[in-house]
mmCIF file of all heavy atoms, coordinates in Angstrom:
data_MODEL
# 
_entry.id   MODEL 
# 
loop_
_atom_site.group_PDB 
_atom_site.id 
_atom_site.type_symbol 
_atom_site.label_atom_id 
_atom_site.label_alt_id 
_atom_site.label_comp_id 
_atom_site.label_asym_id 
_atom_site.label_entity_id 
_atom_site.label_seq_id 
_atom_site.pdbx_PDB_ins_code 
_atom_site.Cartn_x 
_atom_site.Cartn_y 
_atom_site.Cartn_z 
_atom_site.occupancy 
_atom_site.B_iso_or_equiv 
_atom_site.pdbx_formal_charge 
_atom_site.auth_seq_id 
_atom_site.auth_comp_id 
_atom_site.auth_asym_id 
_atom_site.auth_atom_id 
_atom_site.pdbx_PDB_model_num 
ATOM 1   N N   . PHE A 1 1  ? 125.920 -100.592 -21.997 1.00 0.00 ? 1  PHE A N   1 
ATOM 2   C CA  . PHE A 1 1  ? 126.712 -99.397  -22.323 1.00 0.00 ? 1  PHE A CA  1 
ATOM 3   C C   . PHE A 1 1  ? 125.873 -98.384  -23.100 1.00 0.00 ? 1  PHE A C   1 
ATOM 4   O O   . PHE A 1 1  ? 126.073 -97.167  -22.951 1.00 0.00 ? 1  PHE A O   1 
ATOM 5   C CB  . PHE A 1 1  ? 127.961 -99.784  -23.108 1.00 0.00 ? 1  PHE A CB  1 
ATOM 6   C CG  . PHE A 1 1  ? 129.070 -100.295 -22.248 1.00 0.00 ? 1  PHE A CG  1 
ATOM 7   C CD1 . PHE A 1 1  ? 129.475 -101.616 -22.321 1.00 0.00 ? 1  PHE A CD1 1 
ATOM 8   C CD2 . PHE A 1 1  ? 129.704 -99.466  -21.336 1.00 0.00 ? 1  PHE A CD2 1 
ATOM 9   C CE1 . PHE A 1 1  ? 130.493 -102.097 -21.509 1.00 0.00 ? 1  PHE A CE1 1 
ATOM 10  C CE2 . PHE A 1 1  ? 130.726 -99.932  -20.523 1.00 0.00 ? 1  PHE A CE2 1 
ATOM 11  C CZ  . PHE A 1 1  ? 131.124 -101.259 -20.604 1.00 0.00 ? 1  PHE A CZ  1 
ATOM 12  N N   . LEU A 1 2  ? 124.949 -98.874  -23.921 1.00 0.00 ? 2  LEU A N   1 
ATOM 13  C CA  . LEU A 1 2  ? 124.075 -97.959  -24.647 1.00 0.00 ? 2  LEU A CA  1 
ATOM 14  C C   . LEU A 1 2  ? 123.232 -97.133  -23.676 1.00 0.00 ? 2  LEU A C   1 
ATOM 15  O O   . LEU A 1 2  ? 123.185 -95.900  -23.764 1.00 0.00 ? 2  LEU A O   1 
ATOM 16  C CB  . LEU A 1 2  ? 123.185 -98.745  -25.604 1.00 0.00 ? 2  LEU A CB  1 
ATOM 17  C CG  . LEU A 1 2  ? 122.263 -97.929  -26.530 1.00 0.00 ? 2  LEU A CG  1 
ATOM 18  C CD1 . LEU A 1 2  ? 122.101 -98.636  -27.866 1.00 0.00 ? 2  LEU A CD1 1 
ATOM 19  C CD2 . LEU A 1 2  ? 120.882 -97.711  -25.925 1.00 0.00 ? 2  LEU A CD2 1 
ATOM 20  N N   . PHE A 1 3  ? 122.583 -97.811  -22.727 1.00 0.00 ? 3  PHE A N   1 
ATOM 21  C CA  . PHE A 1 3  ? 121.741 -97.091  -21.774 1.00 0.00 ? 3  PHE A CA  1 
ATOM 22  C C   . PHE A 1 3  ? 122.585 -96.282  -20.783 1.00 0.00 ? 3  PHE A C   1 
ATOM 23  O O   . PHE A 1 3  ? 122.152 -95.219  -20.326 1.00 0.00 ? 3  PHE A O   1 
ATOM 24  C CB  . PHE A 1 3  ? 120.828 -98.066  -21.032 1.00 0.00 ? 3  PHE A CB  1 
ATOM 25  C CG  . PHE A 1 3  ? 119.700 -98.588  -21.886 1.00 0.00 ? 3  PHE A CG  1 
ATOM 26  C CD1 . PHE A 1 3  ? 119.650 -99.926  -22.265 1.00 0.00 ? 3  PHE A CD1 1 
ATOM 27  C CD2 . PHE A 1 3  ? 118.695 -97.741  -22.334 1.00 0.00 ? 3  PHE A CD2 1 
ATOM 28  C CE1 . PHE A 1 3  ? 118.621 -100.401 -23.058 1.00 0.00 ? 3  PHE A CE1 1 
ATOM 29  C CE2 . PHE A 1 3  ? 117.659 -98.203  -23.135 1.00 0.00 ? 3  PHE A CE2 1 
ATOM 30  C CZ  . PHE A 1 3  ? 117.629 -99.547  -23.494 1.00 0.00 ? 3  PHE A CZ  1 
ATOM 31  N N   . TYR A 1 4  ? 123.778 -96.775  -20.472 1.00 0.00 ? 4  TYR A N   1 
ATOM 32  C CA  . TYR A 1 4  ? 124.693 -96.006  -19.618 1.00 0.00 ? 4  TYR A CA  1 
ATOM 33  C C   . TYR A 1 4  ? 124.955 -94.630  -20.229 1.00 0.00 ? 4  TYR A C   1 
ATOM 34  O O   . TYR A 1 4  ? 124.975 -93.615  -19.531 1.00 0.00 ? 4  TYR A O   1 
ATOM 35  C CB  . TYR A 1 4  ? 126.005 -96.765  -19.441 1.00 0.00 ? 4  TYR A CB  1 
ATOM 36  C CG  . TYR A 1 4  ? 127.072 -96.003  -18.692 1.00 0.00 ? 4  TYR A CG  1 
ATOM 37  C CD1 . TYR A 1 4  ? 127.154 -96.054  -17.309 1.00 0.00 ? 4  TYR A CD1 1 
ATOM 38  C CD2 . TYR A 1 4  ? 128.013 -95.228  -19.389 1.00 0.00 ? 4  TYR A CD2 1 
ATOM 39  C CE1 . TYR A 1 4  ? 128.136 -95.346  -16.620 1.00 0.00 ? 4  TYR A CE1 1 
ATOM 40  C CE2 . TYR A 1 4  ? 128.994 -94.523  -18.717 1.00 0.00 ? 4  TYR A CE2 1 
ATOM 41  C CZ  . TYR A 1 4  ? 129.047 -94.588  -17.332 1.00 0.00 ? 4  TYR A CZ  1 
ATOM 42  O OH  . TYR A 1 4  ? 130.028 -93.868  -16.649 1.00 0.00 ? 4  TYR A OH  1 
ATOM 43  N N   . ASN A 1 5  ? 125.151 -94.610  -21.537 1.00 0.00 ? 5  ASN A N   1 
ATOM 44  C CA  . ASN A 1 5  ? 125.425 -93.342  -22.223 1.00 0.00 ? 5  ASN A CA  1 
ATOM 45  C C   . ASN A 1 5  ? 124.161 -92.521  -22.459 1.00 0.00 ? 5  ASN A C   1 
ATOM 46  O O   . ASN A 1 5  ? 124.250 -91.296  -22.599 1.00 0.00 ? 5  ASN A O   1 
ATOM 47  C CB  . ASN A 1 5  ? 126.129 -93.616  -23.556 1.00 0.00 ? 5  ASN A CB  1 
ATOM 48  C CG  . ASN A 1 5  ? 127.588 -93.972  -23.383 1.00 0.00 ? 5  ASN A CG  1 
ATOM 49  O OD1 . ASN A 1 5  ? 128.444 -93.115  -23.236 1.00 0.00 ? 5  ASN A OD1 1 
ATOM 50  N ND2 . ASN A 1 5  ? 127.880 -95.273  -23.374 1.00 0.00 ? 5  ASN A ND2 1 
ATOM 51  N N   . LEU A 1 6  ? 123.009 -93.167  -22.498 1.00 0.00 ? 6  LEU A N   1 
ATOM 52  C CA  . LEU A 1 6  ? 121.755 -92.430  -22.663 1.00 0.00 ? 6  LEU A CA  1 
ATOM 53  C C   . LEU A 1 6  ? 121.315 -91.766  -21.361 1.00 0.00 ? 6  LEU A C   1 
ATOM 54  O O   . LEU A 1 6  ? 120.785 -90.653  -21.369 1.00 0.00 ? 6  LEU A O   1 
ATOM 55  C CB  . LEU A 1 6  ? 120.648 -93.365  -23.155 1.00 0.00 ? 6  LEU A CB  1 
ATOM 56  C CG  . LEU A 1 6  ? 120.651 -93.755  -24.631 1.00 0.00 ? 6  LEU A CG  1 
ATOM 57  C CD1 . LEU A 1 6  ? 119.507 -94.717  -24.921 1.00 0.00 ? 6  LEU A CD1 1 
ATOM 58  C CD2 . LEU A 1 6  ? 120.532 -92.515  -25.520 1.00 0.00 ? 6  LEU A CD2 1 
ATOM 59  N N   . PHE A 1 7  ? 121.531 -92.453  -20.243 1.00 0.00 ? 7  PHE A N   1 
ATOM 60  C CA  . PHE A 1 7  ? 121.087 -91.916  -18.957 1.00 0.00 ? 7  PHE A CA  1 
ATOM 61  C C   . PHE A 1 7  ? 121.956 -90.727  -18.547 1.00 0.00 ? 7  PHE A C   1 
ATOM 62  O O   . PHE A 1 7  ? 123.184 -90.779  -18.634 1.00 0.00 ? 7  PHE A O   1 
ATOM 63  C CB  . PHE A 1 7  ? 121.153 -92.989  -17.868 1.00 0.00 ? 7  PHE A CB  1 
ATOM 64  C CG  . PHE A 1 7  ? 120.195 -94.137  -18.069 1.00 0.00 ? 7  PHE A CG  1 
ATOM 65  C CD1 . PHE A 1 7  ? 120.440 -95.377  -17.493 1.00 0.00 ? 7  PHE A CD1 1 
ATOM 66  C CD2 . PHE A 1 7  ? 119.047 -93.984  -18.839 1.00 0.00 ? 7  PHE A CD2 1 
ATOM 67  C CE1 . PHE A 1 7  ? 119.561 -96.436  -17.669 1.00 0.00 ? 7  PHE A CE1 1 
ATOM 68  C CE2 . PHE A 1 7  ? 118.158 -95.034  -19.027 1.00 0.00 ? 7  PHE A CE2 1 
ATOM 69  C CZ  . PHE A 1 7  ? 118.422 -96.265  -18.435 1.00 0.00 ? 7  PHE A CZ  1 
ATOM 70  N N   . GLU A 1 8  ? 121.312 -89.684  -18.094 1.00 0.00 ? 8  GLU A N   1 
ATOM 71  C CA  . GLU A 1 8  ? 122.036 -88.502  -17.631 1.00 0.00 ? 8  GLU A CA  1 
ATOM 72  C C   . GLU A 1 8  ? 122.262 -88.529  -16.120 1.00 0.00 ? 8  GLU A C   1 
ATOM 73  O O   . GLU A 1 8  ? 123.195 -87.907  -15.623 1.00 0.00 ? 8  GLU A O   1 
ATOM 74  C CB  . GLU A 1 8  ? 121.258 -87.238  -18.024 1.00 0.00 ? 8  GLU A CB  1 
ATOM 75  C CG  . GLU A 1 8  ? 121.118 -87.061  -19.533 1.00 0.00 ? 8  GLU A CG  1 
ATOM 76  C CD  . GLU A 1 8  ? 120.318 -85.824  -19.896 1.00 0.00 ? 8  GLU A CD  1 
ATOM 77  O OE1 . GLU A 1 8  ? 119.835 -85.138  -18.965 1.00 0.00 ? 8  GLU A OE1 1 
ATOM 78  O OE2 . GLU A 1 8  ? 120.164 -85.559  -21.101 1.00 0.00 ? 8  GLU A OE2 1 
ATOM 79  N N   . ASN A 1 9  ? 121.408 -89.244  -15.410 1.00 0.00 ? 9  ASN A N   1 
ATOM 80  C CA  . ASN A 1 9  ? 121.521 -89.340  -13.951 1.00 0.00 ? 9  ASN A CA  1 
ATOM 81  C C   . ASN A 1 9  ? 122.719 -90.216  -13.574 1.00 0.00 ? 9  ASN A C   1 
ATOM 82  O O   . ASN A 1 9  ? 122.823 -91.363  -14.011 1.00 0.00 ? 9  ASN A O   1 
ATOM 83  C CB  . ASN A 1 9  ? 120.221 -89.930  -13.386 1.00 0.00 ? 9  ASN A CB  1 
ATOM 84  C CG  . ASN A 1 9  ? 120.205 -89.937  -11.869 1.00 0.00 ? 9  ASN A CG  1 
ATOM 85  O OD1 . ASN A 1 9  ? 120.950 -90.676  -11.235 1.00 0.00 ? 9  ASN A OD1 1 
ATOM 86  N ND2 . ASN A 1 9  ? 119.342 -89.114  -11.296 1.00 0.00 ? 9  ASN A ND2 1 
ATOM 87  N N   . ARG A 1 10 ? 123.611 -89.673  -12.743 1.00 0.00 ? 10 ARG A N   1 
ATOM 88  C CA  . ARG A 1 10 ? 124.833 -90.390  -12.386 1.00 0.00 ? 10 ARG A CA  1 
ATOM 89  C C   . ARG A 1 10 ? 124.535 -91.655  -11.586 1.00 0.00 ? 10 ARG A C   1 
ATOM 90  O O   . ARG A 1 10 ? 125.227 -92.670  -11.738 1.00 0.00 ? 10 ARG A O   1 
ATOM 91  C CB  . ARG A 1 10 ? 125.751 -89.467  -11.583 1.00 0.00 ? 10 ARG A CB  1 
ATOM 92  C CG  . ARG A 1 10 ? 127.088 -90.095  -11.210 1.00 0.00 ? 10 ARG A CG  1 
ATOM 93  C CD  . ARG A 1 10 ? 128.054 -89.088  -10.668 1.00 0.00 ? 10 ARG A CD  1 
ATOM 94  N NE  . ARG A 1 10 ? 128.438 -88.119  -11.679 1.00 0.00 ? 10 ARG A NE  1 
ATOM 95  C CZ  . ARG A 1 10 ? 129.319 -87.138  -11.475 1.00 0.00 ? 10 ARG A CZ  1 
ATOM 96  N NH1 . ARG A 1 10 ? 129.886 -86.985  -10.272 1.00 0.00 ? 10 ARG A NH1 1 
ATOM 97  N NH2 . ARG A 1 10 ? 129.626 -86.302  -12.434 1.00 0.00 ? 10 ARG A NH2 1 
ATOM 98  N N   . ILE A 1 11 ? 123.507 -91.613  -10.743 1.00 0.00 ? 11 ILE A N   1 
ATOM 99  C CA  . ILE A 1 11 ? 123.145 -92.794  -9.951  1.00 0.00 ? 11 ILE A CA  1 
ATOM 100 C C   . ILE A 1 11 ? 122.702 -93.932  -10.867 1.00 0.00 ? 11 ILE A C   1 
ATOM 101 O O   . ILE A 1 11 ? 123.087 -95.089  -10.676 1.00 0.00 ? 11 ILE A O   1 
ATOM 102 C CB  . ILE A 1 11 ? 122.024 -92.451  -8.939  1.00 0.00 ? 11 ILE A CB  1 
ATOM 103 C CG1 . ILE A 1 11 ? 122.545 -91.440  -7.909  1.00 0.00 ? 11 ILE A CG1 1 
ATOM 104 C CG2 . ILE A 1 11 ? 121.534 -93.715  -8.236  1.00 0.00 ? 11 ILE A CG2 1 
ATOM 105 C CD1 . ILE A 1 11 ? 121.493 -90.985  -6.918  1.00 0.00 ? 11 ILE A CD1 1 
ATOM 106 N N   . LEU A 1 12 ? 121.889 -93.603  -11.875 1.00 0.00 ? 12 LEU A N   1 
ATOM 107 C CA  . LEU A 1 12 ? 121.456 -94.614  -12.835 1.00 0.00 ? 12 LEU A CA  1 
ATOM 108 C C   . LEU A 1 12 ? 122.638 -95.215  -13.587 1.00 0.00 ? 12 LEU A C   1 
ATOM 109 O O   . LEU A 1 12 ? 122.679 -96.426  -13.839 1.00 0.00 ? 12 LEU A O   1 
ATOM 110 C CB  . LEU A 1 12 ? 120.463 -94.008  -13.830 1.00 0.00 ? 12 LEU A CB  1 
ATOM 111 C CG  . LEU A 1 12 ? 119.027 -93.784  -13.343 1.00 0.00 ? 12 LEU A CG  1 
ATOM 112 C CD1 . LEU A 1 12 ? 118.198 -93.103  -14.434 1.00 0.00 ? 12 LEU A CD1 1 
ATOM 113 C CD2 . LEU A 1 12 ? 118.388 -95.109  -12.940 1.00 0.00 ? 12 LEU A CD2 1 
ATOM 114 N N   . LYS A 1 13 ? 123.585 -94.373  -13.943 1.00 0.00 ? 13 LYS A N   1 
ATOM 115 C CA  . LYS A 1 13 ? 124.780 -94.866  -14.626 1.00 0.00 ? 13 LYS A CA  1 
ATOM 116 C C   . LYS A 1 13 ? 125.515 -95.885  -13.761 1.00 0.00 ? 13 LYS A C   1 
ATOM 117 O O   . LYS A 1 13 ? 125.935 -96.951  -14.237 1.00 0.00 ? 13 LYS A O   1 
ATOM 118 C CB  . LYS A 1 13 ? 125.713 -93.700  -14.963 1.00 0.00 ? 13 LYS A CB  1 
ATOM 119 C CG  . LYS A 1 13 ? 125.236 -92.801  -16.099 1.00 0.00 ? 13 LYS A CG  1 
ATOM 120 C CD  . LYS A 1 13 ? 126.204 -91.657  -16.300 1.00 0.00 ? 13 LYS A CD  1 
ATOM 121 C CE  . LYS A 1 13 ? 125.842 -90.782  -17.487 1.00 0.00 ? 13 LYS A CE  1 
ATOM 122 N NZ  . LYS A 1 13 ? 126.118 -91.435  -18.789 1.00 0.00 ? 13 LYS A NZ  1 
ATOM 123 N N   . HIS A 1 14 ? 125.665 -95.563  -12.474 1.00 0.00 ? 14 HIS A N   1 
ATOM 124 C CA  . HIS A 1 14 ? 126.353 -96.476  -11.558 1.00 0.00 ? 14 HIS A CA  1 
ATOM 125 C C   . HIS A 1 14 ? 125.580 -97.779  -11.396 1.00 0.00 ? 14 HIS A C   1 
ATOM 126 O O   . HIS A 1 14 ? 126.180 -98.862  -11.326 1.00 0.00 ? 14 HIS A O   1 
ATOM 127 C CB  . HIS A 1 14 ? 126.548 -95.808  -10.194 1.00 0.00 ? 14 HIS A CB  1 
ATOM 128 C CG  . HIS A 1 14 ? 127.571 -94.725  -10.207 1.00 0.00 ? 14 HIS A CG  1 
ATOM 129 N ND1 . HIS A 1 14 ? 127.638 -93.732  -9.239  1.00 0.00 ? 14 HIS A ND1 1 
ATOM 130 C CD2 . HIS A 1 14 ? 128.579 -94.444  -11.080 1.00 0.00 ? 14 HIS A CD2 1 
ATOM 131 C CE1 . HIS A 1 14 ? 128.637 -92.914  -9.516  1.00 0.00 ? 14 HIS A CE1 1 
ATOM 132 N NE2 . HIS A 1 14 ? 129.216 -93.327  -10.623 1.00 0.00 ? 14 HIS A NE2 1 
ATOM 133 N N   . ILE A 1 15 ? 124.260 -97.685  -11.345 1.00 0.00 ? 15 ILE A N   1 
ATOM 134 C CA  . ILE A 1 15 ? 123.425 -98.879  -11.201 1.00 0.00 ? 15 ILE A CA  1 
ATOM 135 C C   . ILE A 1 15 ? 123.596 -99.805  -12.405 1.00 0.00 ? 15 ILE A C   1 
ATOM 136 O O   . ILE A 1 15 ? 123.668 -101.032 -12.251 1.00 0.00 ? 15 ILE A O   1 
ATOM 137 C CB  . ILE A 1 15 ? 121.938 -98.489  -11.039 1.00 0.00 ? 15 ILE A CB  1 
ATOM 138 C CG1 . ILE A 1 15 ? 121.719 -97.838  -9.669  1.00 0.00 ? 15 ILE A CG1 1 
ATOM 139 C CG2 . ILE A 1 15 ? 121.032 -99.708  -11.197 1.00 0.00 ? 15 ILE A CG2 1 
ATOM 140 C CD1 . ILE A 1 15 ? 120.320 -97.298  -9.456  1.00 0.00 ? 15 ILE A CD1 1 
ATOM 141 N N   . VAL A 1 16 ? 123.673 -99.229  -13.603 1.00 0.00 ? 16 VAL A N   1 
ATOM 142 C CA  . VAL A 1 16 ? 123.857 -100.028 -14.817 1.00 0.00 ? 16 VAL A CA  1 
ATOM 143 C C   . VAL A 1 16 ? 125.166 -100.823 -14.742 1.00 0.00 ? 16 VAL A C   1 
ATOM 144 O O   . VAL A 1 16 ? 125.199 -102.028 -15.044 1.00 0.00 ? 16 VAL A O   1 
ATOM 145 C CB  . VAL A 1 16 ? 123.848 -99.128  -16.070 1.00 0.00 ? 16 VAL A CB  1 
ATOM 146 C CG1 . VAL A 1 16 ? 124.291 -99.918  -17.302 1.00 0.00 ? 16 VAL A CG1 1 
ATOM 147 C CG2 . VAL A 1 16 ? 122.460 -98.549  -16.301 1.00 0.00 ? 16 VAL A CG2 1 
ATOM 148 N N   . ILE A 1 17 ? 126.250 -100.169 -14.329 1.00 0.00 ? 17 ILE A N   1 
ATOM 149 C CA  . ILE A 1 17 ? 127.551 -100.840 -14.247 1.00 0.00 ? 17 ILE A CA  1 
ATOM 150 C C   . ILE A 1 17 ? 127.543 -101.902 -13.149 1.00 0.00 ? 17 ILE A C   1 
ATOM 151 O O   . ILE A 1 17 ? 128.054 -103.017 -13.341 1.00 0.00 ? 17 ILE A O   1 
ATOM 152 C CB  . ILE A 1 17 ? 128.671 -99.815  -13.990 1.00 0.00 ? 17 ILE A CB  1 
ATOM 153 C CG1 . ILE A 1 17 ? 128.776 -98.841  -15.167 1.00 0.00 ? 17 ILE A CG1 1 
ATOM 154 C CG2 . ILE A 1 17 ? 130.010 -100.529 -13.771 1.00 0.00 ? 17 ILE A CG2 1 
ATOM 155 C CD1 . ILE A 1 17 ? 129.076 -99.492  -16.496 1.00 0.00 ? 17 ILE A CD1 1 
ATOM 156 N N   . ILE A 1 18 ? 126.959 -101.576 -12.007 1.00 0.00 ? 18 ILE A N   1 
ATOM 157 C CA  . ILE A 1 18 ? 126.887 -102.541 -10.900 1.00 0.00 ? 18 ILE A CA  1 
ATOM 158 C C   . ILE A 1 18 ? 126.079 -103.769 -11.309 1.00 0.00 ? 18 ILE A C   1 
ATOM 159 O O   . ILE A 1 18 ? 126.458 -104.909 -11.016 1.00 0.00 ? 18 ILE A O   1 
ATOM 160 C CB  . ILE A 1 18 ? 126.271 -101.880 -9.650  1.00 0.00 ? 18 ILE A CB  1 
ATOM 161 C CG1 . ILE A 1 18 ? 127.236 -100.834 -9.077  1.00 0.00 ? 18 ILE A CG1 1 
ATOM 162 C CG2 . ILE A 1 18 ? 125.945 -102.927 -8.575  1.00 0.00 ? 18 ILE A CG2 1 
ATOM 163 C CD1 . ILE A 1 18 ? 126.636 -99.976  -7.977  1.00 0.00 ? 18 ILE A CD1 1 
ATOM 164 N N   . ASN A 1 19 ? 124.963 -103.540 -11.998 1.00 0.00 ? 19 ASN A N   1 
ATOM 165 C CA  . ASN A 1 19 ? 124.132 -104.655 -12.461 1.00 0.00 ? 19 ASN A CA  1 
ATOM 166 C C   . ASN A 1 19 ? 124.881 -105.541 -13.454 1.00 0.00 ? 19 ASN A C   1 
ATOM 167 O O   . ASN A 1 19 ? 124.774 -106.772 -13.413 1.00 0.00 ? 19 ASN A O   1 
ATOM 168 C CB  . ASN A 1 19 ? 122.855 -104.136 -13.117 1.00 0.00 ? 19 ASN A CB  1 
ATOM 169 C CG  . ASN A 1 19 ? 121.832 -103.656 -12.110 1.00 0.00 ? 19 ASN A CG  1 
ATOM 170 O OD1 . ASN A 1 19 ? 121.871 -104.028 -10.940 1.00 0.00 ? 19 ASN A OD1 1 
ATOM 171 N ND2 . ASN A 1 19 ? 120.907 -102.814 -12.546 1.00 0.00 ? 19 ASN A ND2 1 
ATOM 172 N N   . LEU A 1 20 ? 125.646 -104.919 -14.350 1.00 0.00 ? 20 LEU A N   1 
ATOM 173 C CA  . LEU A 1 20 ? 126.406 -105.670 -15.343 1.00 0.00 ? 20 LEU A CA  1 
ATOM 174 C C   . LEU A 1 20 ? 127.447 -106.559 -14.676 1.00 0.00 ? 20 LEU A C   1 
ATOM 175 O O   . LEU A 1 20 ? 127.499 -107.771 -14.920 1.00 0.00 ? 20 LEU A O   1 
ATOM 176 C CB  . LEU A 1 20 ? 127.072 -104.707 -16.325 1.00 0.00 ? 20 LEU A CB  1 
ATOM 177 C CG  . LEU A 1 20 ? 127.969 -105.332 -17.408 1.00 0.00 ? 20 LEU A CG  1 
ATOM 178 C CD1 . LEU A 1 20 ? 127.145 -106.236 -18.337 1.00 0.00 ? 20 LEU A CD1 1 
ATOM 179 C CD2 . LEU A 1 20 ? 128.682 -104.253 -18.208 1.00 0.00 ? 20 LEU A CD2 1 
ATOM 180 N N   . LEU A 1 21 ? 128.254 -105.962 -13.810 1.00 0.00 ? 21 LEU A N   1 
ATOM 181 C CA  . LEU A 1 21 ? 129.321 -106.717 -13.156 1.00 0.00 ? 21 LEU A CA  1 
ATOM 182 C C   . LEU A 1 21 ? 128.759 -107.739 -12.171 1.00 0.00 ? 21 LEU A C   1 
ATOM 183 O O   . LEU A 1 21 ? 129.243 -108.877 -12.092 1.00 0.00 ? 21 LEU A O   1 
ATOM 184 C CB  . LEU A 1 21 ? 130.275 -105.750 -12.435 1.00 0.00 ? 21 LEU A CB  1 
ATOM 185 C CG  . LEU A 1 21 ? 131.023 -104.754 -13.334 1.00 0.00 ? 21 LEU A CG  1 
ATOM 186 C CD1 . LEU A 1 21 ? 131.892 -103.823 -12.498 1.00 0.00 ? 21 LEU A CD1 1 
ATOM 187 C CD2 . LEU A 1 21 ? 131.874 -105.486 -14.364 1.00 0.00 ? 21 LEU A CD2 1 
ATOM 188 N N   . GLY A 1 22 ? 127.716 -107.337 -11.426 1.00 0.00 ? 22 GLY A N   1 
ATOM 189 C CA  . GLY A 1 22 ? 127.105 -108.244 -10.464 1.00 0.00 ? 22 GLY A CA  1 
ATOM 190 C C   . GLY A 1 22 ? 126.463 -109.447 -11.133 1.00 0.00 ? 22 GLY A C   1 
ATOM 191 O O   . GLY A 1 22 ? 126.569 -110.583 -10.652 1.00 0.00 ? 22 GLY A O   1 
ATOM 192 N N   . SER A 1 23 ? 125.805 -109.214 -12.268 1.00 0.00 ? 23 SER A N   1 
ATOM 193 C CA  . SER A 1 23 ? 125.162 -110.301 -13.005 1.00 0.00 ? 23 SER A CA  1 
ATOM 194 C C   . SER A 1 23 ? 126.200 -111.286 -13.527 1.00 0.00 ? 23 SER A C   1 
ATOM 195 O O   . SER A 1 23 ? 126.020 -112.508 -13.435 1.00 0.00 ? 23 SER A O   1 
ATOM 196 C CB  . SER A 1 23 ? 124.345 -109.740 -14.172 1.00 0.00 ? 23 SER A CB  1 
ATOM 197 O OG  . SER A 1 23 ? 123.331 -108.879 -13.711 1.00 0.00 ? 23 SER A OG  1 
ATOM 198 N N   . TRP A 1 24 ? 127.286 -110.768 -14.081 1.00 0.00 ? 24 TRP A N   1 
ATOM 199 C CA  . TRP A 1 24 ? 128.318 -111.649 -14.615 1.00 0.00 ? 24 TRP A CA  1 
ATOM 200 C C   . TRP A 1 24 ? 129.018 -112.440 -13.511 1.00 0.00 ? 24 TRP A C   1 
ATOM 201 O O   . TRP A 1 24 ? 129.396 -113.593 -13.721 1.00 0.00 ? 24 TRP A O   1 
ATOM 202 C CB  . TRP A 1 24 ? 129.318 -110.826 -15.422 1.00 0.00 ? 24 TRP A CB  1 
ATOM 203 C CG  . TRP A 1 24 ? 128.829 -110.553 -16.812 1.00 0.00 ? 24 TRP A CG  1 
ATOM 204 C CD1 . TRP A 1 24 ? 127.655 -110.988 -17.367 1.00 0.00 ? 24 TRP A CD1 1 
ATOM 205 C CD2 . TRP A 1 24 ? 129.496 -109.798 -17.824 1.00 0.00 ? 24 TRP A CD2 1 
ATOM 206 N NE1 . TRP A 1 24 ? 127.543 -110.543 -18.669 1.00 0.00 ? 24 TRP A NE1 1 
ATOM 207 C CE2 . TRP A 1 24 ? 128.647 -109.821 -18.974 1.00 0.00 ? 24 TRP A CE2 1 
ATOM 208 C CE3 . TRP A 1 24 ? 130.693 -109.114 -17.880 1.00 0.00 ? 24 TRP A CE3 1 
ATOM 209 C CZ2 . TRP A 1 24 ? 128.994 -109.174 -20.158 1.00 0.00 ? 24 TRP A CZ2 1 
ATOM 210 C CZ3 . TRP A 1 24 ? 131.052 -108.473 -19.056 1.00 0.00 ? 24 TRP A CZ3 1 
ATOM 211 C CH2 . TRP A 1 24 ? 130.202 -108.501 -20.183 1.00 0.00 ? 24 TRP A CH2 1 
# 
């Protein structure tokens, strides 16, 4: 969530969330 809020690129934001949910 920290890096999600730091990243300005929307694609990167989506990748962070997908990685989090996919990993879990």
